Amino acid sequence: MQSTAMIRQLVEKALYIKKLTPDIENAINYELTRLGHISDVDFEALELLMDEMDEGRIKLVPSR
């Protein structure tokens, strides 16, 4: 995956499979740390993910 809009791509994957897996969550956190900032596109994607989780449409998969 490209470094630009990587977070958006990870969020799209979570939305597609309707799960936030530990791997996706770790990758999002890694990108946030690596970049040190967040683009408007990525911020909106994270807001959407949080809204979907709040509504129960995306499940958080616990780590093993």
PDB file of N, CA and C in Angstrom:
ATOM      1  N   MET A   1       0.837  -1.190   0.000  1.00  0.00           N
ATOM      2  CA  MET A   1       0.000   0.000   0.000  1.00  0.00           C
ATOM      3  C   MET A   1       0.876   1.245   0.000  1.00  0.00           C
ATOM      4  N   GLN A   2       0.377   2.302  -0.599  1.00  0.00           N
ATOM      5  CA  GLN A   2       1.111   3.554  -0.629  1.00  0.00           C
ATOM      6  C   GLN A   2       1.090   4.204   0.746  1.00  0.00           C
ATOM      7  N   SER A   3       2.055   5.097   0.978  1.00  0.00           N
ATOM      8  CA  SER A   3       2.079   5.782   2.268  1.00  0.00           C
ATOM      9  C   SER A   3       1.029   6.882   2.330  1.00  0.00           C
ATOM     10  N   THR A   4       0.652   7.447   1.176  1.00  0.00           N
ATOM     11  CA  THR A   4      -0.380   8.481   1.185  1.00  0.00           C
ATOM     12  C   THR A   4      -1.745   7.827   1.335  1.00  0.00           C
ATOM     13  N   ALA A   5      -2.506   8.339   2.262  1.00  0.00           N
ATOM     14  CA  ALA A   5      -3.859   7.847   2.532  1.00  0.00           C
ATOM     15  C   ALA A   5      -3.859   6.379   2.977  1.00  0.00           C
ATOM     16  N   MET A   6      -2.773   5.925   3.568  1.00  0.00           N
ATOM     17  CA  MET A   6      -2.677   4.539   4.051  1.00  0.00           C
ATOM     18  C   MET A   6      -3.754   4.268   5.093  1.00  0.00           C
ATOM     19  N   ILE A   7      -3.964   5.211   5.970  1.00  0.00           N
ATOM     20  CA  ILE A   7      -4.969   5.021   7.020  1.00  0.00           C
ATOM     21  C   ILE A   7      -6.343   4.838   6.398  1.00  0.00           C
ATOM     22  N   ARG A   8      -6.643   5.628   5.382  1.00  0.00           N
ATOM     23  CA  ARG A   8      -7.936   5.500   4.699  1.00  0.00           C
ATOM     24  C   ARG A   8      -8.079   4.107   4.107  1.00  0.00           C
ATOM     25  N   GLN A   9      -7.023   3.574   3.531  1.00  0.00           N
ATOM     26  CA  GLN A   9      -7.073   2.244   2.941  1.00  0.00           C
ATOM     27  C   GLN A   9      -7.286   1.174   4.010  1.00  0.00           C
ATOM     28  N   LEU A  10      -6.657   1.352   5.156  1.00  0.00           N
ATOM     29  CA  LEU A  10      -6.856   0.405   6.255  1.00  0.00           C
ATOM     30  C   LEU A  10      -8.284   0.466   6.787  1.00  0.00           C
ATOM     31  N   VAL A  11      -8.823   1.681   6.885  1.00  0.00           N
ATOM     32  CA  VAL A  11     -10.211   1.839   7.325  1.00  0.00           C
ATOM     33  C   VAL A  11     -11.154   1.193   6.313  1.00  0.00           C
ATOM     34  N   GLU A  12     -10.885   1.393   5.030  1.00  0.00           N
ATOM     35  CA  GLU A  12     -11.717   0.758   4.000  1.00  0.00           C
ATOM     36  C   GLU A  12     -11.722  -0.758   4.152  1.00  0.00           C
ATOM     37  N   LYS A  13     -10.573  -1.320   4.469  1.00  0.00           N
ATOM     38  CA  LYS A  13     -10.484  -2.770   4.677  1.00  0.00           C
ATOM     39  C   LYS A  13     -11.346  -3.193   5.859  1.00  0.00           C
ATOM     40  N   ALA A  14     -11.268  -2.443   6.973  1.00  0.00           N
ATOM     41  CA  ALA A  14     -12.078  -2.758   8.156  1.00  0.00           C
ATOM     42  C   ALA A  14     -13.567  -2.651   7.830  1.00  0.00           C
ATOM     43  N   LEU A  15     -13.943  -1.632   7.078  1.00  0.00           N
ATOM     44  CA  LEU A  15     -15.351  -1.463   6.705  1.00  0.00           C
ATOM     45  C   LEU A  15     -15.815  -2.607   5.806  1.00  0.00           C
ATOM     46  N   TYR A  16     -14.954  -3.038   4.911  1.00  0.00           N
ATOM     47  CA  TYR A  16     -15.300  -4.104   3.980  1.00  0.00           C
ATOM     48  C   TYR A  16     -15.544  -5.426   4.712  1.00  0.00           C
ATOM     49  N   ILE A  17     -14.661  -5.754   5.661  1.00  0.00           N
ATOM     50  CA  ILE A  17     -14.810  -7.032   6.365  1.00  0.00           C
ATOM     51  C   ILE A  17     -15.681  -6.896   7.614  1.00  0.00           C
ATOM     52  N   LYS A  18     -16.082  -5.661   7.914  1.00  0.00           N
ATOM     53  CA  LYS A  18     -16.953  -5.349   9.062  1.00  0.00           C
ATOM     54  C   LYS A  18     -16.319  -5.734  10.400  1.00  0.00           C
ATOM     55  N   LYS A  19     -14.977  -5.651  10.438  1.00  0.00           N
ATOM     56  CA  LYS A  19     -14.240  -5.972  11.661  1.00  0.00           C
ATOM     57  C   LYS A  19     -13.008  -5.081  11.754  1.00  0.00           C
ATOM     58  N   LEU A  20     -12.687  -4.666  12.967  1.00  0.00           N
ATOM     59  CA  LEU A  20     -11.420  -4.004  13.224  1.00  0.00           C
ATOM     60  C   LEU A  20     -10.533  -5.031  13.908  1.00  0.00           C
ATOM     61  N   THR A  21      -9.649  -5.625  13.137  1.00  0.00           N
ATOM     62  CA  THR A  21      -8.770  -6.666  13.663  1.00  0.00           C
ATOM     63  C   THR A  21      -7.562  -6.026  14.343  1.00  0.00           C
ATOM     64  N   PRO A  22      -6.896  -6.788  15.203  1.00  0.00           N
ATOM     65  CA  PRO A  22      -5.676  -6.249  15.828  1.00  0.00           C
ATOM     66  C   PRO A  22      -4.628  -5.833  14.789  1.00  0.00           C
ATOM     67  N   ASP A  23      -4.524  -6.578  13.694  1.00  0.00           N
ATOM     68  CA  ASP A  23      -3.553  -6.223  12.646  1.00  0.00           C
ATOM     69  C   ASP A  23      -3.880  -4.874  12.012  1.00  0.00           C
ATOM     70  N   ILE A  24      -5.152  -4.641  11.718  1.00  0.00           N
ATOM     71  CA  ILE A  24      -5.559  -3.360  11.125  1.00  0.00           C
ATOM     72  C   ILE A  24      -5.357  -2.237  12.136  1.00  0.00           C
ATOM     73  N   GLU A  25      -5.771  -2.470  13.369  1.00  0.00           N
ATOM     74  CA  GLU A  25      -5.610  -1.447  14.406  1.00  0.00           C
ATOM     75  C   GLU A  25      -4.130  -1.107  14.615  1.00  0.00           C
ATOM     76  N   ASN A  26      -3.276  -2.113  14.660  1.00  0.00           N
ATOM     77  CA  ASN A  26      -1.838  -1.877  14.823  1.00  0.00           C
ATOM     78  C   ASN A  26      -1.256  -1.122  13.636  1.00  0.00           C
ATOM     79  N   ALA A  27      -1.704  -1.446  12.438  1.00  0.00           N
ATOM     80  CA  ALA A  27      -1.212  -0.759  11.244  1.00  0.00           C
ATOM     81  C   ALA A  27      -1.638   0.706  11.245  1.00  0.00           C
ATOM     82  N   ILE A  28      -2.870   0.980  11.679  1.00  0.00           N
ATOM     83  CA  ILE A  28      -3.335   2.365  11.780  1.00  0.00           C
ATOM     84  C   ILE A  28      -2.492   3.123  12.798  1.00  0.00           C
ATOM     85  N   ASN A  29      -2.274   2.522  13.956  1.00  0.00           N
ATOM     86  CA  ASN A  29      -1.456   3.174  14.984  1.00  0.00           C
ATOM     87  C   ASN A  29      -0.027   3.399  14.496  1.00  0.00           C
ATOM     88  N   TYR A  30       0.524   2.441  13.783  1.00  0.00           N
ATOM     89  CA  TYR A  30       1.873   2.578  13.241  1.00  0.00           C
ATOM     90  C   TYR A  30       1.942   3.767  12.287  1.00  0.00           C
ATOM     91  N   GLU A  31       0.962   3.867  11.393  1.00  0.00           N
ATOM     92  CA  GLU A  31       0.954   4.969  10.429  1.00  0.00           C
ATOM     93  C   GLU A  31       0.802   6.317  11.121  1.00  0.00           C
ATOM     94  N   LEU A  32      -0.051   6.385  12.127  1.00  0.00           N
ATOM     95  CA  LEU A  32      -0.210   7.641  12.866  1.00  0.00           C
ATOM     96  C   LEU A  32       1.108   8.051  13.521  1.00  0.00           C
ATOM     97  N   THR A  33       1.805   7.091  14.089  1.00  0.00           N
ATOM     98  CA  THR A  33       3.086   7.362  14.745  1.00  0.00           C
ATOM     99  C   THR A  33       4.152   7.734  13.723  1.00  0.00           C
ATOM    100  N   ARG A  34       4.190   7.000  12.638  1.00  0.00           N
ATOM    101  CA  ARG A  34       5.203   7.222  11.608  1.00  0.00           C
ATOM    102  C   ARG A  34       5.056   8.590  10.952  1.00  0.00           C
ATOM    103  N   LEU A  35       3.828   8.951  10.623  1.00  0.00           N
ATOM    104  CA  LEU A  35       3.592  10.209   9.933  1.00  0.00           C
ATOM    105  C   LEU A  35       3.698  11.414  10.861  1.00  0.00           C
ATOM    106  N   GLY A  36       3.260  11.255  12.092  1.00  0.00           N
ATOM    107  CA  GLY A  36       3.295  12.367  13.035  1.00  0.00           C
ATOM    108  C   GLY A  36       2.198  13.394  12.812  1.00  0.00           C
ATOM    109  N   HIS A  37       1.366  13.172  11.822  1.00  0.00           N
ATOM    110  CA  HIS A  37       0.216  14.043  11.553  1.00  0.00           C
ATOM    111  C   HIS A  37      -0.824  13.211  10.810  1.00  0.00           C
ATOM    112  N   ILE A  38      -1.977  13.801  10.606  1.00  0.00           N
ATOM    113  CA  ILE A  38      -3.044  13.070   9.918  1.00  0.00           C
ATOM    114  C   ILE A  38      -3.675  13.983   8.872  1.00  0.00           C
ATOM    115  N   SER A  39      -3.854  13.449   7.690  1.00  0.00           N
ATOM    116  CA  SER A  39      -4.471  14.235   6.616  1.00  0.00           C
ATOM    117  C   SER A  39      -5.973  14.331   6.858  1.00  0.00           C
ATOM    118  N   ASP A  40      -6.595  15.279   6.173  1.00  0.00           N
ATOM    119  CA  ASP A  40      -8.048  15.429   6.289  1.00  0.00           C
ATOM    120  C   ASP A  40      -8.765  14.165   5.839  1.00  0.00           C
ATOM    121  N   VAL A  41      -8.270  13.545   4.781  1.00  0.00           N
ATOM    122  CA  VAL A  41      -8.890  12.324   4.249  1.00  0.00           C
ATOM    123  C   VAL A  41      -8.815  11.202   5.282  1.00  0.00           C
ATOM    124  N   ASP A  42      -7.637  11.036   5.883  1.00  0.00           N
ATOM    125  CA  ASP A  42      -7.479   9.994   6.889  1.00  0.00           C
ATOM    126  C   ASP A  42      -8.302  10.284   8.134  1.00  0.00           C
ATOM    127  N   PHE A  43      -8.368  11.550   8.532  1.00  0.00           N
ATOM    128  CA  PHE A  43      -9.162  11.929   9.704  1.00  0.00           C
ATOM    129  C   PHE A  43     -10.635  11.595   9.488  1.00  0.00           C
ATOM    130  N   GLU A  44     -11.143  11.938   8.321  1.00  0.00           N
ATOM    131  CA  GLU A  44     -12.546  11.632   8.006  1.00  0.00           C
ATOM    132  C   GLU A  44     -12.788  10.128   7.986  1.00  0.00           C
ATOM    133  N   ALA A  45     -11.825   9.376   7.482  1.00  0.00           N
ATOM    134  CA  ALA A  45     -11.960   7.914   7.453  1.00  0.00           C
ATOM    135  C   ALA A  45     -12.016   7.361   8.871  1.00  0.00           C
ATOM    136  N   LEU A  46     -11.153   7.863   9.754  1.00  0.00           N
ATOM    137  CA  LEU A  46     -11.170   7.399  11.147  1.00  0.00           C
ATOM    138  C   LEU A  46     -12.468   7.783  11.849  1.00  0.00           C
ATOM    139  N   GLU A  47     -12.975   8.968  11.559  1.00  0.00           N
ATOM    140  CA  GLU A  47     -14.273   9.362  12.130  1.00  0.00           C
ATOM    141  C   GLU A  47     -15.366   8.407  11.693  1.00  0.00           C
ATOM    142  N   LEU A  48     -15.377   8.055  10.422  1.00  0.00           N
ATOM    143  CA  LEU A  48     -16.372   7.121   9.897  1.00  0.00           C
ATOM    144  C   LEU A  48     -16.240   5.763  10.584  1.00  0.00           C
ATOM    145  N   LEU A  49     -15.024   5.291  10.742  1.00  0.00           N
ATOM    146  CA  LEU A  49     -14.798   4.004  11.407  1.00  0.00           C
ATOM    147  C   LEU A  49     -15.328   4.044  12.837  1.00  0.00           C
ATOM    148  N   MET A  50     -15.034   5.104  13.554  1.00  0.00           N
ATOM    149  CA  MET A  50     -15.513   5.221  14.939  1.00  0.00           C
ATOM    150  C   MET A  50     -17.038   5.286  14.988  1.00  0.00           C
ATOM    151  N   ASP A  51     -17.645   6.013  14.063  1.00  0.00           N
ATOM    152  CA  ASP A  51     -19.110   6.084  14.008  1.00  0.00           C
ATOM    153  C   ASP A  51     -19.714   4.708  13.742  1.00  0.00           C
ATOM    154  N   GLU A  52     -19.127   3.991  12.805  1.00  0.00           N
ATOM    155  CA  GLU A  52     -19.625   2.650  12.474  1.00  0.00           C
ATOM    156  C   GLU A  52     -19.478   1.702  13.667  1.00  0.00           C
ATOM    157  N   MET A  53     -18.390   1.834  14.406  1.00  0.00           N
ATOM    158  CA  MET A  53     -18.196   1.002  15.590  1.00  0.00           C
ATOM    159  C   MET A  53     -19.209   1.377  16.670  1.00  0.00           C
ATOM    160  N   ASP A  54     -19.441   2.667  16.854  1.00  0.00           N
ATOM    161  CA  ASP A  54     -20.428   3.117  17.837  1.00  0.00           C
ATOM    162  C   ASP A  54     -21.826   2.593  17.518  1.00  0.00           C
ATOM    163  N   GLU A  55     -22.138   2.485  16.239  1.00  0.00           N
ATOM    164  CA  GLU A  55     -23.449   1.990  15.805  1.00  0.00           C
ATOM    165  C   GLU A  55     -23.522   0.466  15.797  1.00  0.00           C
ATOM    166  N   GLY A  56     -22.403  -0.195  16.062  1.00  0.00           N
ATOM    167  CA  GLY A  56     -22.393  -1.649  16.127  1.00  0.00           C
ATOM    168  C   GLY A  56     -22.271  -2.342  14.787  1.00  0.00           C
ATOM    169  N   ARG A  57     -21.956  -1.575  13.736  1.00  0.00           N
ATOM    170  CA  ARG A  57     -21.842  -2.186  12.406  1.00  0.00           C
ATOM    171  C   ARG A  57     -20.439  -2.733  12.133  1.00  0.00           C
ATOM    172  N   ILE A  58     -19.478  -2.312  12.944  1.00  0.00           N
ATOM    173  CA  ILE A  58     -18.107  -2.815  12.859  1.00  0.00           C
ATOM    174  C   ILE A  58     -17.753  -3.406  14.202  1.00  0.00           C
ATOM    175  N   LYS A  59     -17.276  -4.644  14.186  1.00  0.00           N
ATOM    176  CA  LYS A  59     -16.933  -5.324  15.444  1.00  0.00           C
ATOM    177  C   LYS A  59     -15.437  -5.213  15.704  1.00  0.00           C
ATOM    178  N   LEU A  60     -15.092  -5.006  16.952  1.00  0.00           N
ATOM    179  CA  LEU A  60     -13.696  -5.008  17.374  1.00  0.00           C
ATOM    180  C   LEU A  60     -13.313  -6.443  17.692  1.00  0.00           C
ATOM    181  N   VAL A  61     -12.335  -6.956  16.983  1.00  0.00           N
ATOM    182  CA  VAL A  61     -11.877  -8.324  17.210  1.00  0.00           C
ATOM    183  C   VAL A  61     -10.760  -8.257  18.244  1.00  0.00           C
ATOM    184  N   PRO A  62     -10.936  -8.934  19.392  1.00  0.00           N
ATOM    185  CA  PRO A  62      -9.888  -8.891  20.429  1.00  0.00           C
ATOM    186  C   PRO A  62      -8.644  -9.636  19.973  1.00  0.00           C
ATOM    187  N   SER A  63      -7.517  -9.212  20.514  1.00  0.00           N
ATOM    188  CA  SER A  63      -6.277  -9.927  20.211  1.00  0.00           C
ATOM    189  C   SER A  63      -6.286 -11.267  20.956  1.00  0.00           C
ATOM    190  N   ARG A  64      -5.539 -12.192  20.471  1.00  0.00           N
ATOM    191  CA  ARG A  64      -5.563 -13.549  21.035  1.00  0.00           C
ATOM    192  C   ARG A  64      -4.752 -13.660  22.270  1.00  0.00           C
TER     193      ARG A  64
END
